[in-house]
């Protein structure tokens, strides 16, 4: 069988998080990094099966953008459907977060005040979804996080029936903590995005502004929620199969293959 031909450029219009925000594509970055990485991922997908690629990294590392671009390329060269699913769909609802507390740093606080921390996700629900995904070729519904309602929408997304390559992206997918560890055996391949702290903070500020947040809220949220989560992910994630090092919110510096040999 002839090897599928990779596109020389990517001209797709790619939007993020069910919004009208359109990614600006840097064709030099596409050619240097995204096309070779997508080709490497394609060669490690077994056609006719269901497999999961996990893309993890700290808040602000642009996991959603990278996953969307990779999926757009893979759809052109992979024989099976390719979909992107976000960990954020398994956020507990705001109603749940408002009615539950968590003990952290010697204090008891409402879960809503630390929304985005590992404790605010339904990890067992995510484990159950991936287990079903791996065990059947039937179509499956899954929740999607709404960036306008700021709440997950149950059964908004759907995995088509049949073989599929699923790119799962999220902050805590490789976290070495109870609950999150149960995900790791369900991944066939794992990637991790890394960037200097200043780059992550800059990207988070831009994201919050696109969401209409005021500057005082942004500064407080980054200091009390985002920064601790950045530190946690960088400190307590397991080693991935490959690492993508960013030099700016939109620019990759290099990709290192830790447990997978590049082609």
Protein backbone atom coordinates (compact mmCIF):
# COMPACT_ATOMS: atom_id res chain seq x y z
CA UNK A 1 0.00 0.00 0.00
CA UNK A 2 1.30 3.45 -0.90
CA UNK A 3 2.24 5.74 1.95
CA UNK A 4 -0.30 8.59 2.31
CA UNK A 5 1.17 11.85 1.12
CA UNK A 6 1.47 14.63 3.71
CA UNK A 7 0.17 18.06 2.69
CA UNK A 8 2.93 20.58 1.96
CA UNK A 9 0.87 23.34 3.59
CA UNK A 10 -2.21 23.42 5.79
CA UNK A 11 -4.96 25.74 4.60
CA UNK A 12 -7.82 24.53 6.81
CA UNK A 13 -9.74 27.08 8.86
CA UNK A 14 -9.31 25.89 12.43
CA UNK A 15 -11.37 27.26 15.31
CA UNK A 16 -11.05 26.43 19.00
CA UNK A 17 -13.44 25.49 21.79
CA UNK A 18 -16.67 25.88 19.82
CA UNK A 19 -15.93 29.60 19.35
CA UNK A 20 -15.28 31.81 16.32
CA UNK A 21 -11.62 32.24 17.28
CA UNK A 22 -9.57 31.23 14.22
CA UNK A 23 -6.01 29.99 14.63
CA UNK A 24 -3.33 31.79 12.65
CA UNK A 25 -1.23 29.07 11.01
CA UNK A 26 2.51 29.57 10.63
CA UNK A 27 3.41 27.51 7.57
CA UNK A 28 7.08 27.32 8.54
CA UNK A 29 6.08 25.77 11.88
CA UNK A 30 3.68 23.45 10.07
CA UNK A 31 6.43 22.22 7.74
CA UNK A 32 9.20 21.95 10.36
CA UNK A 33 7.28 20.41 13.25
CA UNK A 34 3.62 19.57 12.74
CA UNK A 35 3.90 17.59 9.50
CA UNK A 36 6.78 15.35 10.71
CA UNK A 37 5.08 14.80 14.07
CA UNK A 38 1.75 13.94 12.44
CA UNK A 39 3.51 11.48 10.13
CA UNK A 40 5.22 9.85 13.12
CA UNK A 41 1.87 9.51 14.92
CA UNK A 42 0.25 8.07 11.79
CA UNK A 43 2.85 5.33 11.47
CA UNK A 44 2.13 4.25 15.04
CA UNK A 45 -1.62 4.02 14.59
CA UNK A 46 -2.89 0.55 13.73
CA UNK A 47 -5.55 1.02 11.01
CA UNK A 48 -8.90 -0.53 11.83
CA UNK A 49 -8.49 -0.08 15.59
CA UNK A 50 -9.28 2.52 18.23
CA UNK A 51 -6.29 4.18 19.85
CA UNK A 52 -5.69 7.14 22.14
CA UNK A 53 -2.91 9.73 21.92
CA UNK A 54 -2.70 11.84 25.08
CA UNK A 55 -1.38 15.40 24.79
CA UNK A 56 -0.69 16.87 28.24
CA UNK A 57 0.97 20.01 29.52
CA UNK A 58 0.52 22.92 31.91
CA UNK A 59 -2.16 25.59 31.53
CA UNK A 60 -1.23 28.03 28.77
CA UNK A 61 0.86 25.59 26.71
CA UNK A 62 -1.66 25.64 23.82
CA UNK A 63 -2.60 21.97 23.95
CA UNK A 64 -5.95 22.65 22.27
CA UNK A 65 -4.35 24.51 19.36
CA UNK A 66 -1.61 21.93 18.84
CA UNK A 67 -4.10 19.05 18.99
CA UNK A 68 -6.44 20.76 16.51
CA UNK A 69 -3.61 21.35 14.03
CA UNK A 70 -2.30 17.80 14.35
CA UNK A 71 -5.80 16.42 13.85
CA UNK A 72 -6.32 18.54 10.72
CA UNK A 73 -3.14 17.07 9.21
CA UNK A 74 -3.81 13.52 10.35
CA UNK A 75 -7.25 13.58 8.75
CA UNK A 76 -5.49 13.98 5.40
CA UNK A 77 -3.07 11.09 5.89
CA UNK A 78 -4.69 8.65 8.35
CA UNK A 79 -7.03 5.94 6.99
CA UNK A 80 -9.30 6.17 10.06
CA UNK A 81 -11.32 9.11 11.42
CA UNK A 82 -9.40 11.43 13.77
CA UNK A 83 -11.12 13.37 16.54
CA UNK A 84 -9.95 15.64 19.34
CA UNK A 85 -11.50 15.32 22.80
CA UNK A 86 -10.75 17.72 25.64
CA UNK A 87 -10.23 16.72 29.27
CA UNK A 88 -12.19 19.86 30.19
CA UNK A 89 -15.44 18.13 29.25
CA UNK A 90 -15.07 16.17 32.50
CA UNK A 91 -15.07 19.28 34.66
CA UNK A 92 -17.59 18.93 37.44
CA UNK A 93 -20.52 21.27 36.78
CA UNK A 94 -20.60 24.69 38.42
CA UNK A 95 -23.58 23.52 40.48
CA UNK A 96 -21.48 20.65 41.83
CA UNK A 97 -18.49 22.90 42.49
CA UNK A 98 -20.69 25.41 44.32
CA UNK A 99 -22.13 22.73 46.60
CA UNK A 100 -18.92 20.87 47.46
CA UNK A 101 -15.80 21.76 49.42
CA UNK A 102 -12.21 20.56 49.32
CA UNK A 103 -9.41 20.68 51.87
CA UNK A 104 -6.31 22.39 50.50
CA UNK A 105 -3.29 24.01 52.14
CA UNK A 106 -4.86 23.69 55.59
CA UNK A 107 -8.12 25.35 54.54
CA UNK A 108 -11.59 24.20 53.58
CA UNK A 109 -12.76 26.02 50.45
CA UNK A 110 -15.57 25.78 47.93
CA UNK A 111 -14.47 23.74 44.93
CA UNK A 112 -15.67 26.57 42.67
CA UNK A 113 -12.88 28.80 44.02
CA UNK A 114 -10.23 26.42 42.66
CA UNK A 115 -12.02 25.47 39.43
CA UNK A 116 -9.45 24.05 37.06
CA UNK A 117 -7.46 22.24 39.76
CA UNK A 118 -7.21 18.42 39.53
CA UNK A 119 -9.85 17.94 42.25
CA UNK A 120 -12.48 19.69 40.11
CA UNK A 121 -12.54 16.98 37.43
CA UNK A 122 -14.50 13.73 37.25
CA UNK A 123 -11.52 11.48 36.58
CA UNK A 124 -13.55 8.28 36.99
CA UNK A 125 -15.97 9.50 34.34
CA UNK A 126 -13.06 10.06 31.97
CA UNK A 127 -11.61 6.61 32.76
CA UNK A 128 -15.01 5.03 32.06
CA UNK A 129 -15.31 6.84 28.71
CA UNK A 130 -11.84 5.76 27.53
CA UNK A 131 -12.45 2.20 28.69
CA UNK A 132 -15.66 2.05 26.63
CA UNK A 133 -13.89 3.69 23.70
CA UNK A 134 -11.22 1.01 23.72
CA UNK A 135 -13.65 -1.88 24.24
CA UNK A 136 -16.19 -1.22 21.48
CA UNK A 137 -16.50 0.07 17.93
CA UNK A 138 -19.92 1.58 18.65
CA UNK A 139 -20.56 5.33 18.60
CA UNK A 140 -20.10 7.06 21.95
CA UNK A 141 -21.29 10.38 23.36
CA UNK A 142 -19.02 12.50 25.53
CA UNK A 143 -19.25 15.86 27.34
CA UNK A 144 -17.77 19.04 25.87
CA UNK A 145 -16.82 22.11 27.88
CA UNK A 146 -18.52 25.32 26.75
CA UNK A 147 -16.28 28.41 26.81
CA UNK A 148 -19.38 30.61 26.67
CA UNK A 149 -21.51 28.90 29.34
CA UNK A 150 -18.34 27.99 31.33
CA UNK A 151 -19.85 24.59 32.08
CA UNK A 152 -19.64 21.12 30.51
CA UNK A 153 -22.42 20.15 28.11
CA UNK A 154 -23.33 16.46 28.60
CA UNK A 155 -23.23 14.23 25.50
CA UNK A 156 -22.49 17.16 23.19
CA UNK A 157 -19.68 15.35 21.37
CA UNK A 158 -19.83 12.01 19.61
CA UNK A 159 -17.24 9.44 18.60
CA UNK A 160 -18.33 7.89 15.29
CA UNK A 161 -18.89 4.16 15.09
CA UNK A 162 -15.93 2.16 13.82
CA UNK A 163 -12.15 2.57 14.02
CA UNK A 164 -10.86 5.90 15.28
CA UNK A 165 -7.73 7.74 16.34
CA UNK A 166 -8.58 9.89 19.36
CA UNK A 167 -6.37 12.78 20.46
CA UNK A 168 -7.13 13.52 24.11
CA UNK A 169 -5.75 16.83 25.38
CA UNK A 170 -5.64 18.19 28.93
CA UNK A 171 -3.49 19.52 31.73
CA UNK A 172 -3.47 16.52 34.02
CA UNK A 173 -3.50 13.48 31.75
CA UNK A 174 0.02 12.45 32.80
CA UNK A 175 -0.32 13.52 36.43
CA UNK A 176 1.24 11.03 38.83
CA UNK A 177 -1.60 11.16 41.35
CA UNK A 178 -4.44 8.84 42.41
CA UNK A 179 -7.29 8.84 39.92
CA UNK A 180 -5.19 10.29 37.11
CA UNK A 181 -2.84 7.28 37.17
CA UNK A 182 -5.79 5.10 36.13
CA UNK A 183 -5.79 6.87 32.76
CA UNK A 184 -2.21 6.02 31.83
CA UNK A 185 -2.73 2.36 30.75
CA UNK A 186 -5.45 3.56 28.35
CA UNK A 187 -3.03 5.66 26.27
CA UNK A 188 -1.11 4.22 23.33
CA UNK A 189 1.13 7.27 22.95
CA UNK A 190 1.78 10.30 25.14
CA UNK A 191 3.07 13.80 24.45
CA UNK A 192 3.86 16.70 26.75
CA UNK A 193 4.06 20.43 25.98
CA UNK A 194 6.66 22.41 27.90
CA UNK A 195 7.38 26.15 27.89
CA UNK A 196 9.03 28.78 30.13
CA UNK A 197 6.74 30.04 32.88
CA UNK A 198 6.58 33.55 31.39
CA UNK A 199 5.32 32.12 28.09
CA UNK A 200 2.59 30.16 29.86
CA UNK A 201 1.45 33.19 31.87
CA UNK A 202 1.37 35.36 28.74
CA UNK A 203 -0.77 32.82 26.90
CA UNK A 204 -3.16 32.48 29.85
CA UNK A 205 -3.59 36.25 30.03
CA UNK A 206 -4.46 36.34 26.32
CA UNK A 207 -6.97 33.51 26.73
CA UNK A 208 -8.69 35.15 29.69
CA UNK A 209 -8.94 38.45 27.78
CA UNK A 210 -10.54 36.67 24.81
CA UNK A 211 -13.08 35.36 27.32
CA UNK A 212 -13.90 38.92 28.40
CA UNK A 213 -12.35 38.76 31.86
CA UNK A 214 -11.26 42.05 33.51
CA UNK A 215 -7.58 42.69 34.22
CA UNK A 216 -7.90 42.53 38.02
CA UNK A 217 -9.66 39.15 37.77
CA UNK A 218 -6.98 37.87 35.38
CA UNK A 219 -4.10 38.83 37.68
CA UNK A 220 -5.77 37.24 40.70
CA UNK A 221 -6.75 34.07 38.87
CA UNK A 222 -3.29 33.53 37.42
CA UNK A 223 -1.68 33.97 40.83
CA UNK A 224 -4.09 31.86 42.88
CA UNK A 225 -5.24 29.18 40.40
CA UNK A 226 -3.25 29.04 37.17
CA UNK A 227 0.26 29.34 38.62
CA UNK A 228 -0.20 26.58 41.23
CA UNK A 229 -1.61 24.31 38.51
CA UNK A 230 1.35 25.10 36.22
CA UNK A 231 3.77 24.20 39.02
CA UNK A 232 1.89 20.97 39.78
CA UNK A 233 1.84 19.75 36.17
CA UNK A 234 5.52 20.56 35.60
CA UNK A 235 6.55 18.88 38.84
CA UNK A 236 4.33 15.80 39.03
CA UNK A 237 3.72 14.52 35.49
CA UNK A 238 5.17 11.20 34.37
CA UNK A 239 7.64 11.02 31.48
CA UNK A 240 5.94 11.14 28.04
CA UNK A 241 6.84 9.42 24.80
CA UNK A 242 7.66 12.78 23.21
CA UNK A 243 8.04 16.37 24.43
CA UNK A 244 7.22 19.54 22.52
CA UNK A 245 9.19 22.56 23.74
CA UNK A 246 7.62 25.95 23.03
CA UNK A 247 9.58 29.22 22.82
CA UNK A 248 6.48 31.42 22.63
CA UNK A 249 2.70 30.84 22.86
CA UNK A 250 2.62 29.97 19.14
CA UNK A 251 6.16 28.83 18.27
CA UNK A 252 7.71 25.39 18.78
CA UNK A 253 11.45 25.35 19.46
CA UNK A 254 12.01 21.62 19.16
CA UNK A 255 10.47 18.18 19.68
CA UNK A 256 12.31 15.48 21.58
CA UNK A 257 11.37 11.81 21.38
CA UNK A 258 11.92 10.31 24.81
CA UNK A 259 10.53 6.81 24.26
CA UNK A 260 9.71 6.87 20.56
CA UNK A 261 12.30 7.07 17.83
CA UNK A 262 11.51 9.78 15.26
CA UNK A 263 11.29 8.64 11.64
